[in-house]
Amino acid sequence: MVSTRQTIEISKPQHPVNDSYRAVEREEVLEVAFRDFVQMALTAGWNEPEVALTLADIADDYVMALAGRVAEK
């Protein structure tokens, strides 16, 4: 496997956790990074359905792992 490590910039939050705008900010920031990531995968030669389904699987695994950690507390 050849890696050409590209960097995706994700800015840190500008609003505190209890600020209602933080959710909007989070979505805006992560959406840009997500689009960049998907474009990188497509440019590398993966097709769009492969990328979409794999990212959905990875996200599902992450949410399940997070739920398990929360349940342990």
PDB file of N, CA and C in Angstrom:
ATOM      1  N   MET A   1       0.855  -1.173   0.000  1.00  0.00           N
ATOM      2  CA  MET A   1       0.000   0.000   0.000  1.00  0.00           C
ATOM      3  C   MET A   1       0.901   1.236   0.000  1.00  0.00           C
ATOM      4  N   VAL A   2       0.592   2.154  -0.876  1.00  0.00           N
ATOM      5  CA  VAL A   2       1.335   3.406  -0.959  1.00  0.00           C
ATOM      6  C   VAL A   2       0.507   4.496  -0.296  1.00  0.00           C
ATOM      7  N   SER A   3       1.103   5.207   0.612  1.00  0.00           N
ATOM      8  CA  SER A   3       0.403   6.285   1.311  1.00  0.00           C
ATOM      9  C   SER A   3       0.960   7.628   0.880  1.00  0.00           C
ATOM     10  N   THR A   4       0.056   8.515   0.542  1.00  0.00           N
ATOM     11  CA  THR A   4       0.464   9.881   0.189  1.00  0.00           C
ATOM     12  C   THR A   4      -0.162  10.841   1.182  1.00  0.00           C
ATOM     13  N   ARG A   5      -0.060  10.547   2.418  1.00  0.00           N
ATOM     14  CA  ARG A   5      -0.644  11.306   3.533  1.00  0.00           C
ATOM     15  C   ARG A   5      -1.014  12.741   3.189  1.00  0.00           C
ATOM     16  N   GLN A   6      -2.275  12.977   3.041  1.00  0.00           N
ATOM     17  CA  GLN A   6      -2.775  14.329   2.859  1.00  0.00           C
ATOM     18  C   GLN A   6      -3.421  14.742   4.171  1.00  0.00           C
ATOM     19  N   THR A   7      -3.456  16.015   4.417  1.00  0.00           N
ATOM     20  CA  THR A   7      -4.010  16.515   5.674  1.00  0.00           C
ATOM     21  C   THR A   7      -5.349  17.187   5.417  1.00  0.00           C
ATOM     22  N   ILE A   8      -6.288  16.886   6.270  1.00  0.00           N
ATOM     23  CA  ILE A   8      -7.588  17.560   6.238  1.00  0.00           C
ATOM     24  C   ILE A   8      -7.630  18.451   7.458  1.00  0.00           C
ATOM     25  N   GLU A   9      -7.855  19.716   7.233  1.00  0.00           N
ATOM     26  CA  GLU A   9      -7.891  20.686   8.332  1.00  0.00           C
ATOM     27  C   GLU A   9      -9.263  20.657   9.017  1.00  0.00           C
ATOM     28  N   ILE A  10      -9.252  20.574  10.335  1.00  0.00           N
ATOM     29  CA  ILE A  10     -10.485  20.657  11.129  1.00  0.00           C
ATOM     30  C   ILE A  10     -10.225  21.688  12.215  1.00  0.00           C
ATOM     31  N   SER A  11     -10.962  22.778  12.149  1.00  0.00           N
ATOM     32  CA  SER A  11     -10.747  23.843  13.127  1.00  0.00           C
ATOM     33  C   SER A  11     -11.369  23.472  14.475  1.00  0.00           C
ATOM     34  N   LYS A  12     -10.787  24.001  15.528  1.00  0.00           N
ATOM     35  CA  LYS A  12     -11.302  23.727  16.867  1.00  0.00           C
ATOM     36  C   LYS A  12     -12.576  24.548  17.099  1.00  0.00           C
ATOM     37  N   PRO A  13     -13.415  24.096  18.022  1.00  0.00           N
ATOM     38  CA  PRO A  13     -14.664  24.813  18.307  1.00  0.00           C
ATOM     39  C   PRO A  13     -14.405  26.241  18.788  1.00  0.00           C
ATOM     40  N   GLN A  14     -15.229  27.143  18.338  1.00  0.00           N
ATOM     41  CA  GLN A  14     -15.138  28.537  18.758  1.00  0.00           C
ATOM     42  C   GLN A  14     -16.223  28.885  19.780  1.00  0.00           C
ATOM     43  N   HIS A  15     -17.138  27.951  20.009  1.00  0.00           N
ATOM     44  CA  HIS A  15     -18.246  28.188  20.934  1.00  0.00           C
ATOM     45  C   HIS A  15     -18.210  27.150  22.048  1.00  0.00           C
ATOM     46  N   PRO A  16     -18.578  27.529  23.262  1.00  0.00           N
ATOM     47  CA  PRO A  16     -18.583  26.573  24.379  1.00  0.00           C
ATOM     48  C   PRO A  16     -19.659  25.495  24.180  1.00  0.00           C
ATOM     49  N   VAL A  17     -19.505  24.397  24.890  1.00  0.00           N
ATOM     50  CA  VAL A  17     -20.405  23.250  24.762  1.00  0.00           C
ATOM     51  C   VAL A  17     -21.870  23.636  24.960  1.00  0.00           C
ATOM     52  N   ASN A  18     -22.155  24.539  25.857  1.00  0.00           N
ATOM     53  CA  ASN A  18     -23.546  24.898  26.156  1.00  0.00           C
ATOM     54  C   ASN A  18     -24.105  25.975  25.226  1.00  0.00           C
ATOM     55  N   ASP A  19     -23.345  26.418  24.245  1.00  0.00           N
ATOM     56  CA  ASP A  19     -23.806  27.442  23.295  1.00  0.00           C
ATOM     57  C   ASP A  19     -24.593  26.751  22.180  1.00  0.00           C
ATOM     58  N   SER A  20     -25.789  27.236  21.893  1.00  0.00           N
ATOM     59  CA  SER A  20     -26.637  26.596  20.885  1.00  0.00           C
ATOM     60  C   SER A  20     -26.039  26.655  19.485  1.00  0.00           C
ATOM     61  N   TYR A  21     -25.155  27.600  19.213  1.00  0.00           N
ATOM     62  CA  TYR A  21     -24.552  27.694  17.885  1.00  0.00           C
ATOM     63  C   TYR A  21     -23.485  26.619  17.666  1.00  0.00           C
ATOM     64  N   ARG A  22     -23.011  26.004  18.731  1.00  0.00           N
ATOM     65  CA  ARG A  22     -21.947  25.004  18.602  1.00  0.00           C
ATOM     66  C   ARG A  22     -22.357  23.857  17.677  1.00  0.00           C
ATOM     67  N   ALA A  23     -23.601  23.423  17.744  1.00  0.00           N
ATOM     68  CA  ALA A  23     -24.067  22.330  16.875  1.00  0.00           C
ATOM     69  C   ALA A  23     -23.995  22.735  15.409  1.00  0.00           C
ATOM     70  N   VAL A  24     -24.367  23.960  15.106  1.00  0.00           N
ATOM     71  CA  VAL A  24     -24.290  24.464  13.728  1.00  0.00           C
ATOM     72  C   VAL A  24     -22.833  24.528  13.291  1.00  0.00           C
ATOM     73  N   GLU A  25     -21.995  25.081  14.154  1.00  0.00           N
ATOM     74  CA  GLU A  25     -20.564  25.182  13.861  1.00  0.00           C
ATOM     75  C   GLU A  25     -19.965  23.798  13.623  1.00  0.00           C
ATOM     76  N   ARG A  26     -20.296  22.852  14.477  1.00  0.00           N
ATOM     77  CA  ARG A  26     -19.783  21.489  14.360  1.00  0.00           C
ATOM     78  C   ARG A  26     -20.162  20.881  13.012  1.00  0.00           C
ATOM     79  N   GLU A  27     -21.414  21.042  12.629  1.00  0.00           N
ATOM     80  CA  GLU A  27     -21.864  20.486  11.354  1.00  0.00           C
ATOM     81  C   GLU A  27     -21.145  21.133  10.174  1.00  0.00           C
ATOM     82  N   GLU A  28     -20.989  22.438  10.207  1.00  0.00           N
ATOM     83  CA  GLU A  28     -20.300  23.142   9.122  1.00  0.00           C
ATOM     84  C   GLU A  28     -18.851  22.684   8.991  1.00  0.00           C
ATOM     85  N   VAL A  29     -18.148  22.611  10.113  1.00  0.00           N
ATOM     86  CA  VAL A  29     -16.734  22.242  10.105  1.00  0.00           C
ATOM     87  C   VAL A  29     -16.546  20.796   9.649  1.00  0.00           C
ATOM     88  N   LEU A  30     -17.328  19.889  10.226  1.00  0.00           N
ATOM     89  CA  LEU A  30     -17.155  18.480   9.898  1.00  0.00           C
ATOM     90  C   LEU A  30     -17.649  18.148   8.491  1.00  0.00           C
ATOM     91  N   GLU A  31     -18.648  18.868   8.002  1.00  0.00           N
ATOM     92  CA  GLU A  31     -19.135  18.626   6.644  1.00  0.00           C
ATOM     93  C   GLU A  31     -18.059  18.933   5.607  1.00  0.00           C
ATOM     94  N   VAL A  32     -17.344  20.027   5.803  1.00  0.00           N
ATOM     95  CA  VAL A  32     -16.262  20.381   4.880  1.00  0.00           C
ATOM     96  C   VAL A  32     -15.175  19.309   4.915  1.00  0.00           C
ATOM     97  N   ALA A  33     -14.787  18.882   6.110  1.00  0.00           N
ATOM     98  CA  ALA A  33     -13.751  17.855   6.247  1.00  0.00           C
ATOM     99  C   ALA A  33     -14.223  16.534   5.632  1.00  0.00           C
ATOM    100  N   PHE A  34     -15.478  16.210   5.825  1.00  0.00           N
ATOM    101  CA  PHE A  34     -16.051  14.982   5.275  1.00  0.00           C
ATOM    102  C   PHE A  34     -16.017  15.013   3.750  1.00  0.00           C
ATOM    103  N   ARG A  35     -16.442  16.117   3.164  1.00  0.00           N
ATOM    104  CA  ARG A  35     -16.413  16.242   1.695  1.00  0.00           C
ATOM    105  C   ARG A  35     -14.990  16.116   1.171  1.00  0.00           C
ATOM    106  N   ASP A  36     -14.039  16.742   1.859  1.00  0.00           N
ATOM    107  CA  ASP A  36     -12.640  16.635   1.461  1.00  0.00           C
ATOM    108  C   ASP A  36     -12.165  15.186   1.522  1.00  0.00           C
ATOM    109  N   PHE A  37     -12.531  14.485   2.590  1.00  0.00           N
ATOM    110  CA  PHE A  37     -12.136  13.091   2.755  1.00  0.00           C
ATOM    111  C   PHE A  37     -12.721  12.218   1.646  1.00  0.00           C
ATOM    112  N   VAL A  38     -14.006  12.393   1.377  1.00  0.00           N
ATOM    113  CA  VAL A  38     -14.659  11.621   0.316  1.00  0.00           C
ATOM    114  C   VAL A  38     -13.983  11.908  -1.021  1.00  0.00           C
ATOM    115  N   GLN A  39     -13.699  13.162  -1.296  1.00  0.00           N
ATOM    116  CA  GLN A  39     -13.046  13.512  -2.561  1.00  0.00           C
ATOM    117  C   GLN A  39     -11.673  12.861  -2.666  1.00  0.00           C
ATOM    118  N   MET A  40     -10.944  12.803  -1.573  1.00  0.00           N
ATOM    119  CA  MET A  40      -9.636  12.145  -1.562  1.00  0.00           C
ATOM    120  C   MET A  40      -9.787  10.660  -1.896  1.00  0.00           C
ATOM    121  N   ALA A  41     -10.795  10.011  -1.334  1.00  0.00           N
ATOM    122  CA  ALA A  41     -11.026   8.592  -1.603  1.00  0.00           C
ATOM    123  C   ALA A  41     -11.401   8.366  -3.066  1.00  0.00           C
ATOM    124  N   LEU A  42     -12.238   9.234  -3.604  1.00  0.00           N
ATOM    125  CA  LEU A  42     -12.633   9.121  -5.005  1.00  0.00           C
ATOM    126  C   LEU A  42     -11.438   9.348  -5.927  1.00  0.00           C
ATOM    127  N   THR A  43     -10.628  10.323  -5.606  1.00  0.00           N
ATOM    128  CA  THR A  43      -9.427  10.615  -6.400  1.00  0.00           C
ATOM    129  C   THR A  43      -8.455   9.446  -6.375  1.00  0.00           C
ATOM    130  N   ALA A  44      -8.416   8.738  -5.245  1.00  0.00           N
ATOM    131  CA  ALA A  44      -7.528   7.582  -5.110  1.00  0.00           C
ATOM    132  C   ALA A  44      -8.013   6.387  -5.936  1.00  0.00           C
ATOM    133  N   GLY A  45      -9.265   6.452  -6.405  1.00  0.00           N
ATOM    134  CA  GLY A  45      -9.757   5.375  -7.255  1.00  0.00           C
ATOM    135  C   GLY A  45     -10.913   4.560  -6.709  1.00  0.00           C
ATOM    136  N   TRP A  46     -11.336   4.842  -5.479  1.00  0.00           N
ATOM    137  CA  TRP A  46     -12.491   4.134  -4.928  1.00  0.00           C
ATOM    138  C   TRP A  46     -13.744   4.734  -5.549  1.00  0.00           C
ATOM    139  N   ASN A  47     -14.773   3.893  -5.769  1.00  0.00           N
ATOM    140  CA  ASN A  47     -15.987   4.454  -6.354  1.00  0.00           C
ATOM    141  C   ASN A  47     -16.934   4.937  -5.257  1.00  0.00           C
ATOM    142  N   GLU A  48     -17.836   5.805  -5.640  1.00  0.00           N
ATOM    143  CA  GLU A  48     -18.691   6.488  -4.669  1.00  0.00           C
ATOM    144  C   GLU A  48     -19.523   5.543  -3.808  1.00  0.00           C
ATOM    145  N   PRO A  49     -20.178   4.508  -4.385  1.00  0.00           N
ATOM    146  CA  PRO A  49     -20.927   3.587  -3.517  1.00  0.00           C
ATOM    147  C   PRO A  49     -20.038   2.874  -2.499  1.00  0.00           C
ATOM    148  N   GLU A  50     -18.826   2.472  -2.909  1.00  0.00           N
ATOM    149  CA  GLU A  50     -17.898   1.829  -1.965  1.00  0.00           C
ATOM    150  C   GLU A  50     -17.569   2.753  -0.814  1.00  0.00           C
ATOM    151  N   VAL A  51     -17.275   3.993  -1.147  1.00  0.00           N
ATOM    152  CA  VAL A  51     -16.908   4.976  -0.118  1.00  0.00           C
ATOM    153  C   VAL A  51     -18.081   5.205   0.820  1.00  0.00           C
ATOM    154  N   ALA A  52     -19.250   5.442   0.261  1.00  0.00           N
ATOM    155  CA  ALA A  52     -20.430   5.737   1.082  1.00  0.00           C
ATOM    156  C   ALA A  52     -20.764   4.580   2.023  1.00  0.00           C
ATOM    157  N   LEU A  53     -20.803   3.364   1.494  1.00  0.00           N
ATOM    158  CA  LEU A  53     -21.160   2.216   2.330  1.00  0.00           C
ATOM    159  C   LEU A  53     -20.112   1.935   3.394  1.00  0.00           C
ATOM    160  N   THR A  54     -18.848   2.073   3.035  1.00  0.00           N
ATOM    161  CA  THR A  54     -17.784   1.837   4.010  1.00  0.00           C
ATOM    162  C   THR A  54     -17.804   2.881   5.115  1.00  0.00           C
ATOM    163  N   LEU A  55     -18.011   4.136   4.751  1.00  0.00           N
ATOM    164  CA  LEU A  55     -18.076   5.187   5.772  1.00  0.00           C
ATOM    165  C   LEU A  55     -19.277   4.982   6.689  1.00  0.00           C
ATOM    166  N   ALA A  56     -20.397   4.534   6.129  1.00  0.00           N
ATOM    167  CA  ALA A  56     -21.574   4.248   6.965  1.00  0.00           C
ATOM    168  C   ALA A  56     -21.266   3.118   7.938  1.00  0.00           C
ATOM    169  N   ASP A  57     -20.574   2.073   7.466  1.00  0.00           N
ATOM    170  CA  ASP A  57     -20.201   0.958   8.349  1.00  0.00           C
ATOM    171  C   ASP A  57     -19.250   1.417   9.451  1.00  0.00           C
ATOM    172  N   ILE A  58     -18.263   2.211   9.084  1.00  0.00           N
ATOM    173  CA  ILE A  58     -17.300   2.710  10.066  1.00  0.00           C
ATOM    174  C   ILE A  58     -17.998   3.588  11.102  1.00  0.00           C
ATOM    175  N   ALA A  59     -18.896   4.460  10.640  1.00  0.00           N
ATOM    176  CA  ALA A  59     -19.631   5.340  11.561  1.00  0.00           C
ATOM    177  C   ALA A  59     -20.498   4.516  12.507  1.00  0.00           C
ATOM    178  N   ASP A  60     -21.160   3.489  11.977  1.00  0.00           N
ATOM    179  CA  ASP A  60     -21.994   2.624  12.809  1.00  0.00           C
ATOM    180  C   ASP A  60     -21.156   1.918  13.867  1.00  0.00           C
ATOM    181  N   ASP A  61     -20.006   1.396  13.461  1.00  0.00           N
ATOM    182  CA  ASP A  61     -19.109   0.733  14.423  1.00  0.00           C
ATOM    183  C   ASP A  61     -18.667   1.710  15.514  1.00  0.00           C
ATOM    184  N   TYR A  62     -18.364   2.930  15.121  1.00  0.00           N
ATOM    185  CA  TYR A  62     -17.917   3.939  16.084  1.00  0.00           C
ATOM    186  C   TYR A  62     -19.032   4.278  17.080  1.00  0.00           C
ATOM    187  N   VAL A  63     -20.249   4.458  16.574  1.00  0.00           N
ATOM    188  CA  VAL A  63     -21.381   4.780  17.454  1.00  0.00           C
ATOM    189  C   VAL A  63     -21.651   3.627  18.422  1.00  0.00           C
ATOM    190  N   MET A  64     -21.569   2.400  17.931  1.00  0.00           N
ATOM    191  CA  MET A  64     -21.795   1.248  18.810  1.00  0.00           C
ATOM    192  C   MET A  64     -20.715   1.156  19.880  1.00  0.00           C
ATOM    193  N   ALA A  65     -19.468   1.398  19.513  1.00  0.00           N
ATOM    194  CA  ALA A  65     -18.381   1.371  20.498  1.00  0.00           C
ATOM    195  C   ALA A  65     -18.562   2.485  21.527  1.00  0.00           C
ATOM    196  N   LEU A  66     -18.946   3.656  21.073  1.00  0.00           N
ATOM    197  CA  LEU A  66     -19.190   4.773  21.980  1.00  0.00           C
ATOM    198  C   LEU A  66     -20.340   4.449  22.939  1.00  0.00           C
ATOM    199  N   ALA A  67     -21.402   3.881  22.410  1.00  0.00           N
ATOM    200  CA  ALA A  67     -22.537   3.499  23.252  1.00  0.00           C
ATOM    201  C   ALA A  67     -22.104   2.492  24.310  1.00  0.00           C
ATOM    202  N   GLY A  68     -21.239   1.574  23.935  1.00  0.00           N
ATOM    203  CA  GLY A  68     -20.745   0.589  24.895  1.00  0.00           C
ATOM    204  C   GLY A  68     -19.929   1.227  25.990  1.00  0.00           C
ATOM    205  N   ARG A  69     -19.095   2.191  25.630  1.00  0.00           N
ATOM    206  CA  ARG A  69     -18.276   2.883  26.644  1.00  0.00           C
ATOM    207  C   ARG A  69     -19.166   3.710  27.572  1.00  0.00           C
ATOM    208  N   VAL A  70     -20.176   4.353  27.024  1.00  0.00           N
ATOM    209  CA  VAL A  70     -21.087   5.152  27.850  1.00  0.00           C
ATOM    210  C   VAL A  70     -21.858   4.258  28.805  1.00  0.00           C
ATOM    211  N   ALA A  71     -22.293   3.097  28.331  1.00  0.00           N
ATOM    212  CA  ALA A  71     -23.054   2.159  29.159  1.00  0.00           C
ATOM    213  C   ALA A  71     -22.209   1.607  30.309  1.00  0.00           C
ATOM    214  N   GLU A  72     -20.887   1.531  30.122  1.00  0.00           N
ATOM    215  CA  GLU A  72     -20.000   1.014  31.167  1.00  0.00           C
ATOM    216  C   GLU A  72     -19.804   1.987  32.316  1.00  0.00           C
ATOM    217  N   LYS A  73     -20.082   3.245  32.090  1.00  0.00           N
ATOM    218  CA  LYS A  73     -19.833   4.256  33.135  1.00  0.00           C
ATOM    219  C   LYS A  73     -20.855   4.203  34.217  1.00  0.00           C
TER     220      LYS A  73
END
